Amino acid sequence: MAKYIKSTTYSFIVMTAKDSKSEDEWKQKLTKEQYRVLRLKGTERPFSGKYWNNREKGVYYCTGCGFPLFNSSTQFESGFGWPSFSVPINDKNVEIQSDLSLGMKREEVLCNECGGHLGHVFNDGPKPSGLQYCINSISLNFKPEDKKD
């Protein structure tokens, strides 16, 4: 029996070409929930992730590959239940792709190192960028800034 594959699946296939790991290797490296979000472009429930209200100083890294993505100095409270940032550490560390899933046009944010799905970026953030990078906590690992005694 033939199975119809939606365009989001094709995006997923393109996404995996960025990293040389096979899907079996990703499944071994990541938890089921990390795999669902990072590799299958899922979303965690709002207010459920460990970083949605984190106020510590430090740097956020990609859960999939450890690539630096966001500095806590650019994090702000959006009220939506996911960590939100006004800019990435470096524009070259993230990739933005058009996402036409769910019947709307959005801009998907991907890790530029491993191609992992991080979340989406919107044009309703604070100045000066005016952007809101709304990122799944499960796509991030946080390393706090070294405390000075």
N, C-alpha and C. Protein backbone atom coordinates (compact mmCIF):
# COMPACT_ATOMS: atom_id res chain seq x y z
N MET A 1 0.85 -1.18 0.00
CA MET A 1 0.00 0.00 0.00
C MET A 1 0.89 1.24 0.00
N ALA A 2 0.61 2.15 -0.89
CA ALA A 2 1.39 3.39 -0.97
C ALA A 2 0.98 4.33 0.15
N LYS A 3 1.96 5.09 0.64
CA LYS A 3 1.70 6.04 1.71
C LYS A 3 2.08 7.43 1.24
N TYR A 4 1.15 8.39 1.39
CA TYR A 4 1.41 9.77 1.01
C TYR A 4 2.31 10.41 2.06
N ILE A 5 3.39 11.06 1.65
CA ILE A 5 4.32 11.71 2.56
C ILE A 5 4.18 13.22 2.39
N LYS A 6 3.87 13.91 3.49
CA LYS A 6 3.68 15.37 3.44
C LYS A 6 5.01 16.08 3.27
N SER A 7 4.97 17.34 2.85
CA SER A 7 6.19 18.12 2.59
C SER A 7 7.05 18.32 3.82
N THR A 8 6.47 18.27 5.03
CA THR A 8 7.30 18.42 6.22
C THR A 8 8.27 17.26 6.35
N THR A 9 7.88 16.10 5.86
CA THR A 9 8.79 14.95 5.87
C THR A 9 9.97 15.21 4.94
N TYR A 10 9.72 15.82 3.79
CA TYR A 10 10.81 16.13 2.88
C TYR A 10 11.77 17.12 3.52
N SER A 11 11.26 18.07 4.26
CA SER A 11 12.13 19.00 4.97
C SER A 11 13.01 18.24 5.94
N PHE A 12 12.43 17.24 6.59
CA PHE A 12 13.18 16.43 7.54
C PHE A 12 14.33 15.71 6.82
N ILE A 13 14.09 15.17 5.66
CA ILE A 13 15.13 14.46 4.92
C ILE A 13 16.24 15.43 4.53
N VAL A 14 15.90 16.62 4.07
CA VAL A 14 16.90 17.62 3.73
C VAL A 14 17.69 17.99 4.97
N MET A 15 17.01 18.13 6.11
CA MET A 15 17.65 18.54 7.35
C MET A 15 18.75 17.57 7.76
N THR A 16 18.56 16.28 7.59
CA THR A 16 19.53 15.31 8.05
C THR A 16 20.82 15.31 7.22
N ALA A 17 20.79 15.86 6.03
CA ALA A 17 21.98 15.88 5.19
C ALA A 17 23.09 16.75 5.77
N LYS A 18 22.77 17.65 6.69
CA LYS A 18 23.75 18.55 7.29
C LYS A 18 24.73 17.81 8.19
N ASP A 19 24.29 16.77 8.84
CA ASP A 19 25.13 16.02 9.77
C ASP A 19 25.31 14.61 9.21
N SER A 20 26.45 14.02 9.47
CA SER A 20 26.72 12.70 8.90
C SER A 20 26.16 11.55 9.73
N LYS A 21 25.52 11.84 10.87
CA LYS A 21 24.94 10.77 11.67
C LYS A 21 23.73 10.17 10.96
N SER A 22 23.59 8.86 11.10
CA SER A 22 22.39 8.21 10.59
C SER A 22 21.26 8.44 11.58
N GLU A 23 20.04 8.19 11.16
CA GLU A 23 18.91 8.35 12.07
C GLU A 23 19.01 7.37 13.24
N ASP A 24 19.56 6.19 13.02
CA ASP A 24 19.76 5.25 14.13
C ASP A 24 20.75 5.81 15.14
N GLU A 25 21.81 6.47 14.66
CA GLU A 25 22.78 7.09 15.57
C GLU A 25 22.13 8.23 16.36
N TRP A 26 21.28 9.03 15.70
CA TRP A 26 20.57 10.09 16.41
C TRP A 26 19.66 9.49 17.48
N LYS A 27 18.96 8.41 17.15
CA LYS A 27 18.06 7.77 18.11
C LYS A 27 18.82 7.24 19.32
N GLN A 28 20.06 6.79 19.11
CA GLN A 28 20.88 6.31 20.23
C GLN A 28 21.41 7.48 21.07
N LYS A 29 21.73 8.58 20.43
CA LYS A 29 22.31 9.73 21.12
C LYS A 29 21.28 10.52 21.92
N LEU A 30 20.08 10.68 21.37
CA LEU A 30 19.05 11.53 21.96
C LEU A 30 17.98 10.71 22.69
N THR A 31 17.32 11.34 23.66
CA THR A 31 16.15 10.71 24.27
C THR A 31 15.02 10.72 23.23
N LYS A 32 13.96 9.97 23.50
CA LYS A 32 12.83 9.95 22.55
C LYS A 32 12.26 11.34 22.33
N GLU A 33 12.12 12.11 23.40
CA GLU A 33 11.55 13.45 23.29
C GLU A 33 12.51 14.40 22.57
N GLN A 34 13.80 14.30 22.85
CA GLN A 34 14.78 15.13 22.13
C GLN A 34 14.76 14.79 20.64
N TYR A 35 14.68 13.52 20.32
CA TYR A 35 14.63 13.09 18.93
C TYR A 35 13.37 13.63 18.25
N ARG A 36 12.23 13.55 18.94
CA ARG A 36 10.97 14.04 18.37
C ARG A 36 11.05 15.52 18.02
N VAL A 37 11.67 16.31 18.89
CA VAL A 37 11.75 17.75 18.64
C VAL A 37 12.87 18.09 17.67
N LEU A 38 14.09 17.64 17.96
CA LEU A 38 15.25 18.02 17.14
C LEU A 38 15.24 17.43 15.74
N ARG A 39 14.85 16.19 15.59
CA ARG A 39 14.95 15.52 14.30
C ARG A 39 13.62 15.45 13.55
N LEU A 40 12.51 15.39 14.28
CA LEU A 40 11.20 15.28 13.62
C LEU A 40 10.42 16.59 13.65
N LYS A 41 11.06 17.66 14.12
CA LYS A 41 10.49 19.02 14.12
C LYS A 41 9.26 19.14 15.00
N GLY A 42 9.30 18.48 16.14
CA GLY A 42 8.21 18.58 17.09
C GLY A 42 8.32 19.85 17.93
N THR A 43 7.38 20.00 18.86
CA THR A 43 7.36 21.15 19.77
C THR A 43 7.00 20.65 21.16
N GLU A 44 7.68 21.15 22.16
CA GLU A 44 7.30 20.81 23.53
C GLU A 44 6.15 21.69 23.97
N ARG A 45 5.39 21.23 24.94
CA ARG A 45 4.28 22.02 25.45
C ARG A 45 4.80 23.30 26.10
N PRO A 46 4.05 24.41 25.96
CA PRO A 46 4.49 25.66 26.61
C PRO A 46 4.55 25.49 28.13
N PHE A 47 5.48 26.19 28.74
CA PHE A 47 5.70 26.20 30.19
C PHE A 47 6.12 24.84 30.75
N SER A 48 6.53 23.92 29.89
CA SER A 48 6.94 22.58 30.35
C SER A 48 8.45 22.39 30.31
N GLY A 49 9.16 23.18 29.54
CA GLY A 49 10.61 23.02 29.38
C GLY A 49 11.38 23.60 30.55
N LYS A 50 12.58 23.09 30.73
CA LYS A 50 13.37 23.50 31.89
C LYS A 50 13.94 24.92 31.80
N TYR A 51 13.94 25.55 30.64
CA TYR A 51 14.56 26.87 30.50
C TYR A 51 13.59 28.00 30.21
N TRP A 52 12.29 27.76 30.18
CA TRP A 52 11.35 28.81 29.78
C TRP A 52 11.43 30.03 30.70
N ASN A 53 11.81 29.82 31.97
CA ASN A 53 11.92 30.96 32.89
C ASN A 53 13.30 31.04 33.54
N ASN A 54 14.32 30.49 32.90
CA ASN A 54 15.68 30.54 33.42
C ASN A 54 16.19 31.98 33.41
N ARG A 55 16.76 32.43 34.51
CA ARG A 55 17.28 33.80 34.59
C ARG A 55 18.78 33.82 34.93
N GLU A 56 19.42 32.65 34.90
CA GLU A 56 20.86 32.61 35.15
C GLU A 56 21.61 33.16 33.94
N LYS A 57 22.82 33.66 34.20
CA LYS A 57 23.69 34.14 33.12
C LYS A 57 24.49 32.97 32.59
N GLY A 58 24.61 32.91 31.27
CA GLY A 58 25.38 31.84 30.65
C GLY A 58 25.07 31.72 29.18
N VAL A 59 25.39 30.56 28.62
CA VAL A 59 25.25 30.31 27.19
C VAL A 59 24.42 29.04 26.97
N TYR A 60 23.57 29.09 25.96
CA TYR A 60 22.75 27.95 25.54
C TYR A 60 23.39 27.30 24.33
N TYR A 61 23.49 25.97 24.38
CA TYR A 61 24.11 25.17 23.32
C TYR A 61 23.09 24.20 22.74
N CYS A 62 23.31 23.75 21.52
CA CYS A 62 22.45 22.76 20.87
C CYS A 62 22.57 21.42 21.60
N THR A 63 21.44 20.83 21.95
CA THR A 63 21.43 19.52 22.59
C THR A 63 22.00 18.45 21.66
N GLY A 64 21.76 18.60 20.38
CA GLY A 64 22.20 17.59 19.42
C GLY A 64 23.70 17.53 19.21
N CYS A 65 24.35 18.70 19.16
CA CYS A 65 25.77 18.72 18.78
C CYS A 65 26.66 19.58 19.67
N GLY A 66 26.10 20.36 20.58
CA GLY A 66 26.91 21.20 21.46
C GLY A 66 27.32 22.53 20.87
N PHE A 67 26.79 22.92 19.74
CA PHE A 67 27.12 24.18 19.07
C PHE A 67 26.53 25.34 19.87
N PRO A 68 27.28 26.43 20.10
CA PRO A 68 26.73 27.58 20.85
C PRO A 68 25.67 28.31 20.02
N LEU A 69 24.54 28.62 20.68
CA LEU A 69 23.42 29.21 19.95
C LEU A 69 22.97 30.57 20.48
N PHE A 70 22.74 30.69 21.79
CA PHE A 70 22.20 31.91 22.36
C PHE A 70 22.89 32.26 23.67
N ASN A 71 23.05 33.55 23.91
CA ASN A 71 23.58 34.04 25.18
C ASN A 71 22.39 34.48 26.03
N SER A 72 22.46 34.20 27.32
CA SER A 72 21.35 34.56 28.22
C SER A 72 21.10 36.07 28.26
N SER A 73 22.10 36.87 27.90
CA SER A 73 21.91 38.33 27.92
C SER A 73 20.88 38.78 26.89
N THR A 74 20.55 37.92 25.92
CA THR A 74 19.55 38.27 24.91
C THR A 74 18.21 37.59 25.17
N GLN A 75 18.10 36.87 26.30
CA GLN A 75 16.86 36.18 26.65
C GLN A 75 15.88 37.17 27.29
N PHE A 76 14.60 37.01 26.98
CA PHE A 76 13.57 37.88 27.56
C PHE A 76 12.30 37.07 27.81
N GLU A 77 11.45 37.58 28.65
CA GLU A 77 10.19 36.93 28.98
C GLU A 77 9.15 37.30 27.94
N SER A 78 8.71 36.31 27.16
CA SER A 78 7.73 36.56 26.11
C SER A 78 6.32 36.29 26.58
N GLY A 79 6.18 35.48 27.62
CA GLY A 79 4.85 35.10 28.10
C GLY A 79 4.26 33.92 27.35
N PHE A 80 5.01 33.34 26.40
CA PHE A 80 4.49 32.23 25.60
C PHE A 80 4.87 30.86 26.15
N GLY A 81 5.81 30.79 27.10
CA GLY A 81 6.15 29.51 27.72
C GLY A 81 7.32 28.77 27.13
N TRP A 82 8.07 29.43 26.25
CA TRP A 82 9.31 28.87 25.72
C TRP A 82 10.41 29.90 25.92
N PRO A 83 11.66 29.47 26.01
CA PRO A 83 12.74 30.45 26.08
C PRO A 83 12.72 31.32 24.82
N SER A 84 12.83 32.62 25.01
CA SER A 84 12.81 33.55 23.88
C SER A 84 14.07 34.41 23.92
N PHE A 85 14.64 34.62 22.74
CA PHE A 85 15.88 35.38 22.60
C PHE A 85 15.70 36.41 21.49
N SER A 86 16.38 37.55 21.61
CA SER A 86 16.27 38.58 20.58
C SER A 86 17.25 38.37 19.43
N VAL A 87 18.37 37.71 19.68
CA VAL A 87 19.37 37.42 18.64
C VAL A 87 20.14 36.16 19.01
N PRO A 88 20.64 35.43 18.02
CA PRO A 88 21.54 34.30 18.32
C PRO A 88 22.94 34.82 18.66
N ILE A 89 23.78 33.96 19.19
CA ILE A 89 25.18 34.34 19.47
C ILE A 89 25.83 34.87 18.21
N ASN A 90 25.57 34.22 17.09
CA ASN A 90 26.10 34.62 15.80
C ASN A 90 25.07 34.21 14.76
N ASP A 91 24.76 35.08 13.81
CA ASP A 91 23.77 34.73 12.79
C ASP A 91 24.14 33.47 12.02
N LYS A 92 25.42 33.17 11.94
CA LYS A 92 25.87 31.99 11.20
C LYS A 92 25.68 30.70 12.00
N ASN A 93 25.32 30.79 13.27
CA ASN A 93 25.14 29.60 14.10
C ASN A 93 23.75 29.00 13.97
N VAL A 94 22.83 29.77 13.41
CA VAL A 94 21.48 29.26 13.17
C VAL A 94 21.14 29.44 11.69
N GLU A 95 20.24 28.59 11.24
CA GLU A 95 19.74 28.69 9.86
C GLU A 95 18.24 28.93 9.95
N ILE A 96 17.73 29.77 9.09
CA ILE A 96 16.30 30.06 9.04
C ILE A 96 15.74 29.48 7.75
N GLN A 97 14.67 28.68 7.88
CA GLN A 97 14.01 28.10 6.71
C GLN A 97 12.52 28.39 6.79
N SER A 98 11.91 28.54 5.65
CA SER A 98 10.46 28.73 5.59
C SER A 98 9.76 27.44 6.03
N ASP A 99 8.75 27.58 6.87
CA ASP A 99 7.98 26.45 7.38
C ASP A 99 6.52 26.70 7.04
N LEU A 100 5.98 25.89 6.15
CA LEU A 100 4.60 26.05 5.70
C LEU A 100 3.67 25.02 6.34
N SER A 101 4.15 24.32 7.37
CA SER A 101 3.30 23.34 8.04
C SER A 101 2.21 24.03 8.85
N LEU A 102 1.24 23.30 9.26
CA LEU A 102 0.12 23.79 10.07
C LEU A 102 -0.71 24.85 9.35
N GLY A 103 -0.60 24.91 8.02
CA GLY A 103 -1.42 25.83 7.24
C GLY A 103 -1.07 27.30 7.38
N MET A 104 0.14 27.58 7.85
CA MET A 104 0.57 28.98 7.99
C MET A 104 2.03 29.09 7.59
N LYS A 105 2.47 30.31 7.32
CA LYS A 105 3.88 30.53 6.99
C LYS A 105 4.60 31.00 8.24
N ARG A 106 5.63 30.25 8.61
CA ARG A 106 6.47 30.62 9.75
C ARG A 106 7.92 30.46 9.32
N GLU A 107 8.82 30.98 10.15
CA GLU A 107 10.25 30.86 9.90
C GLU A 107 10.83 29.92 10.94
N GLU A 108 11.30 28.77 10.49
CA GLU A 108 11.86 27.75 11.38
C GLU A 108 13.33 28.07 11.67
N VAL A 109 13.75 27.82 12.92
CA VAL A 109 15.13 28.03 13.34
C VAL A 109 15.78 26.65 13.49
N LEU A 110 16.91 26.47 12.82
CA LEU A 110 17.67 25.22 12.86
C LEU A 110 19.09 25.48 13.34
N CYS A 111 19.68 24.51 14.01
CA CYS A 111 21.10 24.59 14.34
C CYS A 111 21.88 24.48 13.04
N ASN A 112 22.78 25.40 12.79
CA ASN A 112 23.52 25.39 11.54
C ASN A 112 24.63 24.34 11.52
N GLU A 113 24.91 23.72 12.65
CA GLU A 113 25.93 22.68 12.71
C GLU A 113 25.35 21.30 12.42
N CYS A 114 24.24 20.94 13.09
CA CYS A 114 23.69 19.59 12.93
C CYS A 114 22.33 19.56 12.25
N GLY A 115 21.74 20.72 12.01
CA GLY A 115 20.44 20.76 11.35
C GLY A 115 19.27 20.48 12.26
N GLY A 116 19.50 20.40 13.57
CA GLY A 116 18.43 20.12 14.51
C GLY A 116 17.41 21.25 14.58
N HIS A 117 16.14 20.87 14.70
CA HIS A 117 15.05 21.84 14.84
C HIS A 117 15.12 22.46 16.23
N LEU A 118 15.13 23.79 16.28
CA LEU A 118 15.20 24.51 17.55
C LEU A 118 13.86 25.15 17.91
N GLY A 119 13.17 25.71 16.94
CA GLY A 119 11.92 26.42 17.18
C GLY A 119 11.61 27.30 16.00
N HIS A 120 11.06 28.51 16.28
CA HIS A 120 10.69 29.44 15.22
C HIS A 120 11.09 30.86 15.61
N VAL A 121 11.23 31.72 14.63
CA VAL A 121 11.53 33.14 14.88
C VAL A 121 10.36 33.98 14.37
N PHE A 122 9.98 34.99 15.16
CA PHE A 122 8.86 35.85 14.85
C PHE A 122 9.30 37.31 14.88
N ASN A 123 8.54 38.16 14.24
CA ASN A 123 8.86 39.60 14.16
C ASN A 123 8.15 40.40 15.25
N ASP A 124 8.08 39.87 16.46
CA ASP A 124 7.39 40.58 17.55
C ASP A 124 8.26 40.66 18.81
N GLY A 125 9.57 40.69 18.62
CA GLY A 125 10.48 40.76 19.75
C GLY A 125 10.84 42.18 20.13
N PRO A 126 11.68 42.32 21.14
CA PRO A 126 12.07 43.65 21.60
C PRO A 126 13.07 44.32 20.65
N LYS A 127 13.18 45.62 20.78
CA LYS A 127 14.17 46.38 20.00
C LYS A 127 15.55 46.10 20.58
N PRO A 128 16.61 46.18 19.85
CA PRO A 128 16.69 46.74 18.50
C PRO A 128 16.39 45.74 17.39
N SER A 129 16.48 44.41 17.64
CA SER A 129 16.30 43.45 16.55
C SER A 129 14.84 43.33 16.13
N GLY A 130 13.91 43.45 17.07
CA GLY A 130 12.50 43.25 16.76
C GLY A 130 12.14 41.79 16.55
N LEU A 131 13.11 40.90 16.83
CA LEU A 131 12.89 39.47 16.60
C LEU A 131 12.69 38.73 17.92
N GLN A 132 11.93 37.63 17.83
CA GLN A 132 11.75 36.72 18.95
C GLN A 132 12.07 35.31 18.47
N TYR A 133 13.22 34.80 18.91
CA TYR A 133 13.58 33.42 18.63
C TYR A 133 12.94 32.59 19.74
N CYS A 134 11.85 31.92 19.42
CA CYS A 134 11.07 31.12 20.37
C CYS A 134 11.58 29.68 20.24
N ILE A 135 12.33 29.21 21.25
CA ILE A 135 13.11 27.98 21.14
C ILE A 135 12.64 26.93 22.15
N ASN A 136 12.59 25.69 21.72
CA ASN A 136 12.24 24.59 22.62
C ASN A 136 13.37 24.36 23.62
N SER A 137 13.04 24.30 24.90
CA SER A 137 14.05 24.03 25.94
C SER A 137 14.79 22.73 25.67
N ILE A 138 14.07 21.74 25.19
CA ILE A 138 14.67 20.42 25.00
C ILE A 138 15.74 20.43 23.90
N SER A 139 15.72 21.45 23.06
CA SER A 139 16.74 21.61 22.01
C SER A 139 18.00 22.28 22.54
N LEU A 140 17.98 22.68 23.81
CA LEU A 140 19.08 23.46 24.39
C LEU A 140 19.71 22.78 25.60
N ASN A 141 20.98 23.02 25.77
CA ASN A 141 21.70 22.74 27.02
C ASN A 141 22.26 24.08 27.49
N PHE A 142 22.17 24.34 28.77
CA PHE A 142 22.61 25.60 29.33
C PHE A 142 23.86 25.40 30.17
N LYS A 143 24.85 26.26 29.93
CA LYS A 143 26.06 26.26 30.76
C LYS A 143 26.14 27.61 31.44
N PRO A 144 26.02 27.64 32.79
CA PRO A 144 26.07 28.92 33.49
C PRO A 144 27.43 29.57 33.42
N GLU A 145 27.40 30.90 33.48
CA GLU A 145 28.62 31.68 33.51
C GLU A 145 29.39 31.32 34.80
N ASP A 146 30.70 31.24 34.70
CA ASP A 146 31.49 30.95 35.90
C ASP A 146 31.26 32.02 36.94
N LYS A 147 30.97 31.57 38.14
CA LYS A 147 30.77 32.51 39.25
C LYS A 147 32.12 32.95 39.78
N LYS A 148 32.25 34.25 40.00
CA LYS A 148 33.51 34.77 40.55
C LYS A 148 33.33 34.98 42.04
N ASP A 149 34.30 34.51 42.82
CA ASP A 149 34.23 34.64 44.28
C ASP A 149 34.66 36.00 44.74
